[in-house]
PDB file of N, CA and C in Angstrom:
ATOM      1  N   UNK A   1     -13.889   0.735 -20.020  1.00  0.00           N
ATOM      2  CA  UNK A   1     -13.183   1.015 -18.439  1.00  0.00           C
ATOM      3  C   UNK A   1     -12.351  -0.072 -18.475  1.00  0.00           C
ATOM      4  N   UNK A   2     -10.966   0.300 -18.200  1.00  0.00           N
ATOM      5  CA  UNK A   2     -10.153  -0.508 -17.780  1.00  0.00           C
ATOM      6  C   UNK A   2      -9.839  -1.070 -16.192  1.00  0.00           C
ATOM      7  N   UNK A   3     -10.056  -2.296 -15.856  1.00  0.00           N
ATOM      8  CA  UNK A   3     -10.391  -2.202 -14.974  1.00  0.00           C
ATOM      9  C   UNK A   3      -8.785  -2.569 -14.455  1.00  0.00           C
ATOM     10  N   UNK A   4      -7.623  -2.578 -13.504  1.00  0.00           N
ATOM     11  CA  UNK A   4      -7.032  -2.937 -12.261  1.00  0.00           C
ATOM     12  C   UNK A   4      -6.419  -4.798 -12.002  1.00  0.00           C
ATOM     13  N   UNK A   5      -5.461  -4.674 -12.007  1.00  0.00           N
ATOM     14  CA  UNK A   5      -5.487  -6.149 -12.246  1.00  0.00           C
ATOM     15  C   UNK A   5      -6.057  -6.594 -10.700  1.00  0.00           C
ATOM     16  N   UNK A   6      -6.630  -8.046 -11.155  1.00  0.00           N
ATOM     17  CA  UNK A   6      -7.868  -8.812  -9.787  1.00  0.00           C
ATOM     18  C   UNK A   6      -6.133  -9.063  -8.565  1.00  0.00           C
ATOM     19  N   UNK A   7      -7.148  -8.876  -7.188  1.00  0.00           N
ATOM     20  CA  UNK A   7      -6.172  -9.828  -6.200  1.00  0.00           C
ATOM     21  C   UNK A   7      -6.429 -11.164  -6.316  1.00  0.00           C
ATOM     22  N   UNK A   8      -5.399 -12.020  -6.151  1.00  0.00           N
ATOM     23  CA  UNK A   8      -4.981 -13.109  -5.617  1.00  0.00           C
ATOM     24  C   UNK A   8      -5.104 -13.869  -4.818  1.00  0.00           C
ATOM     25  N   UNK A   9      -5.595 -15.179  -4.678  1.00  0.00           N
ATOM     26  CA  UNK A   9      -5.894 -16.321  -2.577  1.00  0.00           C
ATOM     27  C   UNK A   9      -5.145 -17.169  -3.693  1.00  0.00           C
ATOM     28  N   UNK A  10      -4.041 -18.222  -3.331  1.00  0.00           N
ATOM     29  CA  UNK A  10      -3.129 -18.728  -3.139  1.00  0.00           C
ATOM     30  C   UNK A  10      -3.071 -19.461  -1.756  1.00  0.00           C
ATOM     31  N   UNK A  11      -3.954 -20.642  -1.671  1.00  0.00           N
ATOM     32  CA  UNK A  11      -3.715 -21.476  -0.470  1.00  0.00           C
ATOM     33  C   UNK A  11      -3.229 -23.247  -0.829  1.00  0.00           C
ATOM     34  N   UNK A  12      -2.087 -23.098  -0.402  1.00  0.00           N
ATOM     35  CA  UNK A  12      -1.118 -24.532  -0.397  1.00  0.00           C
ATOM     36  C   UNK A  12      -1.371 -24.901   0.602  1.00  0.00           C
ATOM     37  N   UNK A  13      -1.642 -26.406   0.411  1.00  0.00           N
ATOM     38  CA  UNK A  13      -1.848 -27.213   1.750  1.00  0.00           C
ATOM     39  C   UNK A  13      -0.461 -28.442   1.661  1.00  0.00           C
ATOM     40  N   UNK A  14      -0.588 -29.088   2.591  1.00  0.00           N
ATOM     41  CA  UNK A  14       0.429 -30.296   2.949  1.00  0.00           C
ATOM     42  C   UNK A  14       0.711 -31.228   1.887  1.00  0.00           C
ATOM     43  N   UNK A  15      -0.500 -31.584   1.372  1.00  0.00           N
ATOM     44  CA  UNK A  15       0.082 -32.450   0.509  1.00  0.00           C
ATOM     45  C   UNK A  15      -0.110 -31.978  -0.866  1.00  0.00           C
ATOM     46  N   UNK A  16       0.401 -31.138  -1.048  1.00  0.00           N
ATOM     47  CA  UNK A  16       1.422 -30.052  -2.519  1.00  0.00           C
ATOM     48  C   UNK A  16       0.066 -29.503  -3.157  1.00  0.00           C
ATOM     49  N   UNK A  17      -1.334 -29.855  -2.712  1.00  0.00           N
ATOM     50  CA  UNK A  17      -2.836 -29.725  -3.505  1.00  0.00           C
ATOM     51  C   UNK A  17      -2.387 -27.474  -3.308  1.00  0.00           C
ATOM     52  N   UNK A  18      -3.451 -27.385  -3.975  1.00  0.00           N
ATOM     53  CA  UNK A  18      -3.453 -25.812  -3.913  1.00  0.00           C
ATOM     54  C   UNK A  18      -4.827 -25.208  -4.258  1.00  0.00           C
ATOM     55  N   UNK A  19      -5.222 -24.212  -4.367  1.00  0.00           N
ATOM     56  CA  UNK A  19      -6.349 -23.612  -4.976  1.00  0.00           C
ATOM     57  C   UNK A  19      -6.235 -21.887  -5.203  1.00  0.00           C
ATOM     58  N   UNK A  20      -6.952 -21.610  -6.137  1.00  0.00           N
ATOM     59  CA  UNK A  20      -6.399 -20.330  -6.724  1.00  0.00           C
ATOM     60  C   UNK A  20      -7.921 -19.629  -6.692  1.00  0.00           C
ATOM     61  N   UNK A  21      -7.678 -18.839  -6.067  1.00  0.00           N
ATOM     62  CA  UNK A  21      -9.132 -17.410  -6.042  1.00  0.00           C
ATOM     63  C   UNK A  21      -8.231 -16.482  -6.930  1.00  0.00           C
ATOM     64  N   UNK A  22      -9.188 -16.222  -7.733  1.00  0.00           N
ATOM     65  CA  UNK A  22      -9.350 -14.636  -8.292  1.00  0.00           C
ATOM     66  C   UNK A  22     -10.269 -14.060  -7.663  1.00  0.00           C
ATOM     67  N   UNK A  23      -9.601 -12.411  -7.058  1.00  0.00           N
ATOM     68  CA  UNK A  23     -10.994 -11.849  -6.283  1.00  0.00           C
ATOM     69  C   UNK A  23     -10.843 -10.669  -7.404  1.00  0.00           C
ATOM     70  N   UNK A  24     -11.486  -9.372  -7.096  1.00  0.00           N
ATOM     71  CA  UNK A  24     -12.455  -8.189  -7.855  1.00  0.00           C
ATOM     72  C   UNK A  24     -11.004  -7.256  -7.582  1.00  0.00           C
ATOM     73  N   UNK A  25     -11.036  -6.435  -8.134  1.00  0.00           N
ATOM     74  CA  UNK A  25     -10.206  -5.300  -7.908  1.00  0.00           C
ATOM     75  C   UNK A  25     -10.375  -4.795  -6.912  1.00  0.00           C
ATOM     76  N   UNK A  26      -9.529  -3.590  -5.808  1.00  0.00           N
ATOM     77  CA  UNK A  26      -9.782  -2.925  -4.688  1.00  0.00           C
ATOM     78  C   UNK A  26     -11.193  -1.746  -4.989  1.00  0.00           C
ATOM     79  N   UNK A  27     -11.855  -1.627  -4.243  1.00  0.00           N
ATOM     80  CA  UNK A  27     -12.952  -0.207  -4.489  1.00  0.00           C
ATOM     81  C   UNK A  27     -11.646   0.853  -4.765  1.00  0.00           C
ATOM     82  N   UNK A  28     -11.433   1.176  -4.082  1.00  0.00           N
ATOM     83  CA  UNK A  28     -10.429   2.108  -4.064  1.00  0.00           C
ATOM     84  C   UNK A  28      -9.979   2.232  -5.484  1.00  0.00           C
ATOM     85  N   UNK A  29      -9.425   1.296  -5.770  1.00  0.00           N
ATOM     86  CA  UNK A  29      -8.740   1.021  -7.603  1.00  0.00           C
ATOM     87  C   UNK A  29      -9.865   1.642  -8.703  1.00  0.00           C
ATOM     88  N   UNK A  30     -10.497   1.190  -8.342  1.00  0.00           N
ATOM     89  CA  UNK A  30     -11.781   1.600  -9.249  1.00  0.00           C
ATOM     90  C   UNK A  30     -12.573   2.655  -9.411  1.00  0.00           C
ATOM     91  N   UNK A  31     -12.513   3.144  -8.308  1.00  0.00           N
ATOM     92  CA  UNK A  31     -12.403   4.435  -7.380  1.00  0.00           C
ATOM     93  C   UNK A  31     -11.879   5.299  -8.731  1.00  0.00           C
ATOM     94  N   UNK A  32      -9.964   5.090  -8.494  1.00  0.00           N
ATOM     95  CA  UNK A  32      -9.337   6.146  -8.911  1.00  0.00           C
ATOM     96  C   UNK A  32      -9.491   6.146 -10.009  1.00  0.00           C
ATOM     97  N   UNK A  33      -9.856   4.927 -10.973  1.00  0.00           N
ATOM     98  CA  UNK A  33      -9.823   5.106 -12.258  1.00  0.00           C
ATOM     99  C   UNK A  33     -10.703   5.920 -12.996  1.00  0.00           C
ATOM    100  N   UNK A  34     -11.994   5.774 -12.503  1.00  0.00           N
ATOM    101  CA  UNK A  34     -13.304   6.425 -12.896  1.00  0.00           C
ATOM    102  C   UNK A  34     -13.114   7.726 -13.028  1.00  0.00           C
ATOM    103  N   UNK A  35     -12.335   8.226 -11.458  1.00  0.00           N
ATOM    104  CA  UNK A  35     -11.872   9.756 -11.159  1.00  0.00           C
ATOM    105  C   UNK A  35     -11.133  10.324 -11.966  1.00  0.00           C
ATOM    106  N   UNK A  36     -10.738   8.825 -12.651  1.00  0.00           N
ATOM    107  CA  UNK A  36      -9.373   9.921 -12.629  1.00  0.00           C
ATOM    108  C   UNK A  36      -8.185  10.929 -12.241  1.00  0.00           C
ATOM    109  N   UNK A  37      -7.661   9.888 -11.345  1.00  0.00           N
ATOM    110  CA  UNK A  37      -7.281  10.097 -10.390  1.00  0.00           C
ATOM    111  C   UNK A  37      -5.975   9.701  -9.820  1.00  0.00           C
ATOM    112  N   UNK A  38      -4.753  10.146 -10.052  1.00  0.00           N
ATOM    113  CA  UNK A  38      -3.522   9.403  -8.904  1.00  0.00           C
ATOM    114  C   UNK A  38      -3.599   8.633  -7.310  1.00  0.00           C
ATOM    115  N   UNK A  39      -4.334   9.938  -6.904  1.00  0.00           N
ATOM    116  CA  UNK A  39      -4.528   9.118  -5.465  1.00  0.00           C
ATOM    117  C   UNK A  39      -5.537   9.287  -4.295  1.00  0.00           C
ATOM    118  N   UNK A  40      -6.404   9.191  -3.815  1.00  0.00           N
ATOM    119  CA  UNK A  40      -7.251  10.111  -3.111  1.00  0.00           C
ATOM    120  C   UNK A  40      -6.378  11.494  -1.994  1.00  0.00           C
ATOM    121  N   UNK A  41      -7.544  11.161  -1.276  1.00  0.00           N
ATOM    122  CA  UNK A  41      -6.772  12.992  -0.694  1.00  0.00           C
ATOM    123  C   UNK A  41      -6.276  13.055   1.080  1.00  0.00           C
ATOM    124  N   UNK A  42      -5.556  13.401   1.116  1.00  0.00           N
ATOM    125  CA  UNK A  42      -5.229  12.669   2.715  1.00  0.00           C
ATOM    126  C   UNK A  42      -6.108  13.277   3.942  1.00  0.00           C
ATOM    127  N   UNK A  43      -6.610  14.795   3.284  1.00  0.00           N
ATOM    128  CA  UNK A  43      -7.795  15.379   4.291  1.00  0.00           C
ATOM    129  C   UNK A  43      -8.836  15.397   3.985  1.00  0.00           C
ATOM    130  N   UNK A  44      -9.851  14.035   4.110  1.00  0.00           N
ATOM    131  CA  UNK A  44     -11.485  13.781   2.967  1.00  0.00           C
ATOM    132  C   UNK A  44     -12.350  14.879   4.058  1.00  0.00           C
ATOM    133  N   UNK A  45     -11.997  15.179   5.343  1.00  0.00           N
ATOM    134  CA  UNK A  45     -12.468  15.697   6.158  1.00  0.00           C
ATOM    135  C   UNK A  45     -12.449  16.395   6.899  1.00  0.00           C
ATOM    136  N   UNK A  46     -13.318  17.421   7.814  1.00  0.00           N
ATOM    137  CA  UNK A  46     -13.379  18.187   8.297  1.00  0.00           C
ATOM    138  C   UNK A  46     -12.587  19.712   7.889  1.00  0.00           C
ATOM    139  N   UNK A  47     -11.905  20.784   8.788  1.00  0.00           N
ATOM    140  CA  UNK A  47     -11.412  22.301   8.465  1.00  0.00           C
ATOM    141  C   UNK A  47     -10.977  22.427   7.203  1.00  0.00           C
ATOM    142  N   UNK A  48      -9.981  21.076   6.392  1.00  0.00           N
ATOM    143  CA  UNK A  48      -8.947  21.159   5.696  1.00  0.00           C
ATOM    144  C   UNK A  48      -9.158  20.298   4.807  1.00  0.00           C
ATOM    145  N   UNK A  49     -10.440  20.532   4.375  1.00  0.00           N
ATOM    146  CA  UNK A  49     -11.028  19.167   3.399  1.00  0.00           C
ATOM    147  C   UNK A  49     -10.658  19.559   1.710  1.00  0.00           C
ATOM    148  N   UNK A  50     -10.281  17.840   1.481  1.00  0.00           N
ATOM    149  CA  UNK A  50      -9.950  18.669   0.135  1.00  0.00           C
ATOM    150  C   UNK A  50     -10.829  17.012  -0.637  1.00  0.00           C
ATOM    151  N   UNK A  51     -11.505  17.937  -1.868  1.00  0.00           N
ATOM    152  CA  UNK A  51     -11.853  17.235  -2.881  1.00  0.00           C
ATOM    153  C   UNK A  51     -11.268  16.535  -4.349  1.00  0.00           C
ATOM    154  N   UNK A  52     -10.978  15.814  -4.414  1.00  0.00           N
ATOM    155  CA  UNK A  52      -9.500  15.472  -5.385  1.00  0.00           C
ATOM    156  C   UNK A  52     -10.032  15.386  -6.614  1.00  0.00           C
ATOM    157  N   UNK A  53     -11.678  14.716  -6.488  1.00  0.00           N
ATOM    158  CA  UNK A  53     -11.987  13.887  -7.605  1.00  0.00           C
ATOM    159  C   UNK A  53     -13.765  13.956  -7.661  1.00  0.00           C
ATOM    160  N   UNK A  54     -14.090  14.018  -8.857  1.00  0.00           N
ATOM    161  CA  UNK A  54     -16.073  13.177  -8.511  1.00  0.00           C
ATOM    162  C   UNK A  54     -16.110  11.900  -9.282  1.00  0.00           C
ATOM    163  N   UNK A  55     -17.148  11.240  -9.420  1.00  0.00           N
ATOM    164  CA  UNK A  55     -17.652  10.208 -10.152  1.00  0.00           C
ATOM    165  C   UNK A  55     -18.924  10.524 -10.397  1.00  0.00           C
ATOM    166  N   UNK A  56     -19.661  10.123 -10.674  1.00  0.00           N
ATOM    167  CA  UNK A  56     -21.542  10.149 -10.924  1.00  0.00           C
ATOM    168  C   UNK A  56     -22.027   8.372 -10.910  1.00  0.00           C
ATOM    169  N   UNK A  57     -23.257   8.995 -10.431  1.00  0.00           N
ATOM    170  CA  UNK A  57     -24.360   7.764 -10.664  1.00  0.00           C
ATOM    171  C   UNK A  57     -24.058   6.173 -10.586  1.00  0.00           C
ATOM    172  N   UNK A  58     -23.609   6.473 -12.132  1.00  0.00           N
ATOM    173  CA  UNK A  58     -23.330   5.296 -13.198  1.00  0.00           C
ATOM    174  C   UNK A  58     -22.560   4.666 -13.016  1.00  0.00           C
ATOM    175  N   UNK A  59     -21.285   5.369 -12.329  1.00  0.00           N
ATOM    176  CA  UNK A  59     -20.058   5.321 -12.378  1.00  0.00           C
ATOM    177  C   UNK A  59     -20.110   4.328 -10.912  1.00  0.00           C
ATOM    178  N   UNK A  60     -20.806   4.853  -9.964  1.00  0.00           N
ATOM    179  CA  UNK A  60     -20.892   3.964  -8.691  1.00  0.00           C
ATOM    180  C   UNK A  60     -21.943   2.799  -8.692  1.00  0.00           C
ATOM    181  N   UNK A  61     -22.606   3.153  -9.668  1.00  0.00           N
ATOM    182  CA  UNK A  61     -23.180   1.457  -9.971  1.00  0.00           C
ATOM    183  C   UNK A  61     -22.999   0.382 -10.692  1.00  0.00           C
ATOM    184  N   UNK A  62     -21.735   0.584 -11.900  1.00  0.00           N
ATOM    185  CA  UNK A  62     -20.832   0.236 -12.413  1.00  0.00           C
ATOM    186  C   UNK A  62     -19.961  -0.559 -11.764  1.00  0.00           C
ATOM    187  N   UNK A  63     -19.319   0.326 -10.939  1.00  0.00           N
ATOM    188  CA  UNK A  63     -18.326  -0.667  -9.844  1.00  0.00           C
ATOM    189  C   UNK A  63     -19.148  -1.267  -8.835  1.00  0.00           C
ATOM    190  N   UNK A  64     -20.199  -0.902  -8.113  1.00  0.00           N
ATOM    191  CA  UNK A  64     -21.157  -1.771  -7.408  1.00  0.00           C
ATOM    192  C   UNK A  64     -20.864  -2.765  -8.373  1.00  0.00           C
ATOM    193  N   UNK A  65     -21.494  -3.086  -9.176  1.00  0.00           N
ATOM    194  CA  UNK A  65     -21.631  -4.497 -10.376  1.00  0.00           C
ATOM    195  C   UNK A  65     -20.666  -5.046 -10.321  1.00  0.00           C
ATOM    196  N   UNK A  66     -19.481  -4.593 -10.169  1.00  0.00           N
ATOM    197  CA  UNK A  66     -18.040  -5.342 -10.703  1.00  0.00           C
ATOM    198  C   UNK A  66     -17.521  -5.373  -9.580  1.00  0.00           C
ATOM    199  N   UNK A  67     -17.744  -5.107  -7.594  1.00  0.00           N
ATOM    200  CA  UNK A  67     -17.459  -5.687  -6.926  1.00  0.00           C
ATOM    201  C   UNK A  67     -18.551  -6.513  -6.320  1.00  0.00           C
ATOM    202  N   UNK A  68     -19.981  -6.761  -6.643  1.00  0.00           N
ATOM    203  CA  UNK A  68     -21.090  -7.768  -5.956  1.00  0.00           C
ATOM    204  C   UNK A  68     -20.536  -8.794  -5.614  1.00  0.00           C
ATOM    205  N   UNK A  69     -19.720 -10.032  -6.028  1.00  0.00           N
ATOM    206  CA  UNK A  69     -19.187 -11.057  -5.747  1.00  0.00           C
ATOM    207  C   UNK A  69     -18.632 -11.235  -4.602  1.00  0.00           C
ATOM    208  N   UNK A  70     -17.658 -10.374  -4.891  1.00  0.00           N
ATOM    209  CA  UNK A  70     -17.183  -9.940  -3.033  1.00  0.00           C
ATOM    210  C   UNK A  70     -17.387  -9.438  -2.079  1.00  0.00           C
ATOM    211  N   UNK A  71     -18.559  -8.865  -2.274  1.00  0.00           N
ATOM    212  CA  UNK A  71     -19.192  -8.404  -1.005  1.00  0.00           C
ATOM    213  C   UNK A  71     -20.304  -9.452  -0.297  1.00  0.00           C
ATOM    214  N   UNK A  72     -20.362  -8.540   1.079  1.00  0.00           N
ATOM    215  CA  UNK A  72     -21.415  -9.807   1.546  1.00  0.00           C
ATOM    216  C   UNK A  72     -22.749  -8.931   1.538  1.00  0.00           C
ATOM    217  N   UNK A  73     -23.119  -8.683   0.458  1.00  0.00           N
ATOM    218  CA  UNK A  73     -24.503  -8.695   0.443  1.00  0.00           C
ATOM    219  C   UNK A  73     -24.484  -9.358  -1.345  1.00  0.00           C
ATOM    220  N   UNK A  74     -25.976  -8.772  -1.785  1.00  0.00           N
ATOM    221  CA  UNK A  74     -26.893  -9.605  -2.715  1.00  0.00           C
ATOM    222  C   UNK A  74     -27.537  -8.263  -3.794  1.00  0.00           C
ATOM    223  N   UNK A  75     -27.800  -7.085  -2.632  1.00  0.00           N
ATOM    224  CA  UNK A  75     -28.234  -6.052  -3.003  1.00  0.00           C
ATOM    225  C   UNK A  75     -27.136  -5.315  -3.835  1.00  0.00           C
ATOM    226  N   UNK A  76     -27.753  -4.894  -5.238  1.00  0.00           N
ATOM    227  CA  UNK A  76     -26.920  -3.538  -4.830  1.00  0.00           C
ATOM    228  C   UNK A  76     -27.021  -2.376  -4.573  1.00  0.00           C
ATOM    229  N   UNK A  77     -28.453  -2.151  -4.322  1.00  0.00           N
ATOM    230  CA  UNK A  77     -28.282  -0.642  -3.550  1.00  0.00           C
ATOM    231  C   UNK A  77     -27.107  -0.706  -2.150  1.00  0.00           C
ATOM    232  N   UNK A  78     -26.998  -1.399  -1.970  1.00  0.00           N
ATOM    233  CA  UNK A  78     -26.145  -1.835  -0.932  1.00  0.00           C
ATOM    234  C   UNK A  78     -24.960  -1.812  -0.779  1.00  0.00           C
ATOM    235  N   UNK A  79     -24.441  -1.824  -2.258  1.00  0.00           N
ATOM    236  CA  UNK A  79     -23.021  -2.470  -2.689  1.00  0.00           C
ATOM    237  C   UNK A  79     -22.564  -0.807  -3.221  1.00  0.00           C
ATOM    238  N   UNK A  80     -23.320  -0.084  -3.676  1.00  0.00           N
ATOM    239  CA  UNK A  80     -23.471   1.134  -4.095  1.00  0.00           C
ATOM    240  C   UNK A  80     -22.920   2.009  -2.679  1.00  0.00           C
ATOM    241  N   UNK A  81     -23.804   1.352  -1.586  1.00  0.00           N
ATOM    242  CA  UNK A  81     -23.668   2.426  -0.325  1.00  0.00           C
ATOM    243  C   UNK A  81     -22.058   2.295  -0.361  1.00  0.00           C
ATOM    244  N   UNK A  82     -21.688   1.273  -0.124  1.00  0.00           N
ATOM    245  CA  UNK A  82     -20.304   0.624  -0.027  1.00  0.00           C
ATOM    246  C   UNK A  82     -19.543   1.060  -0.467  1.00  0.00           C
ATOM    247  N   UNK A  83     -19.777   1.916  -2.502  1.00  0.00           N
ATOM    248  CA  UNK A  83     -18.985   2.055  -2.379  1.00  0.00           C
ATOM    249  C   UNK A  83     -18.581   3.593  -2.415  1.00  0.00           C
ATOM    250  N   UNK A  84     -20.322   4.174  -2.226  1.00  0.00           N
ATOM    251  CA  UNK A  84     -20.138   5.586  -2.213  1.00  0.00           C
ATOM    252  C   UNK A  84     -19.203   5.930  -0.388  1.00  0.00           C
ATOM    253  N   UNK A  85     -19.282   5.452   0.278  1.00  0.00           N
ATOM    254  CA  UNK A  85     -18.494   4.979   1.326  1.00  0.00           C
ATOM    255  C   UNK A  85     -16.577   5.203   0.839  1.00  0.00           C
ATOM    256  N   UNK A  86     -16.769   4.548   0.806  1.00  0.00           N
ATOM    257  CA  UNK A  86     -14.817   4.490  -0.160  1.00  0.00           C
ATOM    258  C   UNK A  86     -14.789   5.511  -0.567  1.00  0.00           C
ATOM    259  N   UNK A  87     -15.668   6.054  -1.316  1.00  0.00           N
ATOM    260  CA  UNK A  87     -15.591   7.469  -2.041  1.00  0.00           C
ATOM    261  C   UNK A  87     -15.397   8.388  -1.390  1.00  0.00           C
ATOM    262  N   UNK A  88     -16.211   8.345  -0.601  1.00  0.00           N
ATOM    263  CA  UNK A  88     -16.424   9.827   0.742  1.00  0.00           C
ATOM    264  C   UNK A  88     -14.305   9.704   1.345  1.00  0.00           C
ATOM    265  N   UNK A  89     -14.414   8.550   1.794  1.00  0.00           N
ATOM    266  CA  UNK A  89     -13.021   8.175   2.597  1.00  0.00           C
ATOM    267  C   UNK A  89     -11.948   8.783   1.527  1.00  0.00           C
ATOM    268  N   UNK A  90     -11.781   9.416   0.486  1.00  0.00           N
ATOM    269  CA  UNK A  90     -10.725   9.017  -0.670  1.00  0.00           C
ATOM    270  C   UNK A  90     -10.845  10.557  -0.863  1.00  0.00           C
ATOM    271  N   UNK A  91     -11.911  11.421  -0.111  1.00  0.00           N
ATOM    272  CA  UNK A  91     -12.037  13.254  -0.720  1.00  0.00           C
ATOM    273  C   UNK A  91     -12.793  12.937  -2.307  1.00  0.00           C
ATOM    274  N   UNK A  92     -13.619  11.797  -2.355  1.00  0.00           N
ATOM    275  CA  UNK A  92     -13.966  11.804  -4.296  1.00  0.00           C
ATOM    276  C   UNK A  92     -15.376  12.572  -4.120  1.00  0.00           C
ATOM    277  N   UNK A  93     -16.376  13.139  -4.526  1.00  0.00           N
ATOM    278  CA  UNK A  93     -17.294  13.909  -4.635  1.00  0.00           C
ATOM    279  C   UNK A  93     -18.076  13.029  -5.743  1.00  0.00           C
ATOM    280  N   UNK A  94     -19.580  12.358  -5.480  1.00  0.00           N
ATOM    281  CA  UNK A  94     -20.394  11.803  -5.973  1.00  0.00           C
ATOM    282  C   UNK A  94     -21.207  12.936  -6.373  1.00  0.00           C
ATOM    283  N   UNK A  95     -21.559  12.777  -7.695  1.00  0.00           N
ATOM    284  CA  UNK A  95     -22.425  13.484  -8.809  1.00  0.00           C
ATOM    285  C   UNK A  95     -23.723  12.849  -9.104  1.00  0.00           C
ATOM    286  N   UNK A  96     -24.698  13.461  -9.217  1.00  0.00           N
ATOM    287  CA  UNK A  96     -26.274  12.955  -9.657  1.00  0.00           C
ATOM    288  C   UNK A  96     -26.217  12.683 -11.100  1.00  0.00           C
TER     289      UNK A  96
END
């Protein structure tokens, strides 16, 4: 899986020292890459619901493992629920 560029957090202090923290890529970017789509659905819910792609549970678990260091949980199942919620909001279907 080719990962998108990570996010970076740079803090510069008054004494000219700095901290440089690399974050994992956004969950939406990882999902778009896994589903092989260019963007999420504009209408993921309601009457005009549009499904733009699908991912498997194995892909969801892989994305959750990548995102785990930046999430506020230590449990893989909770991280998977977060990824599945993001996928649902993007109009991406989860297949077993």
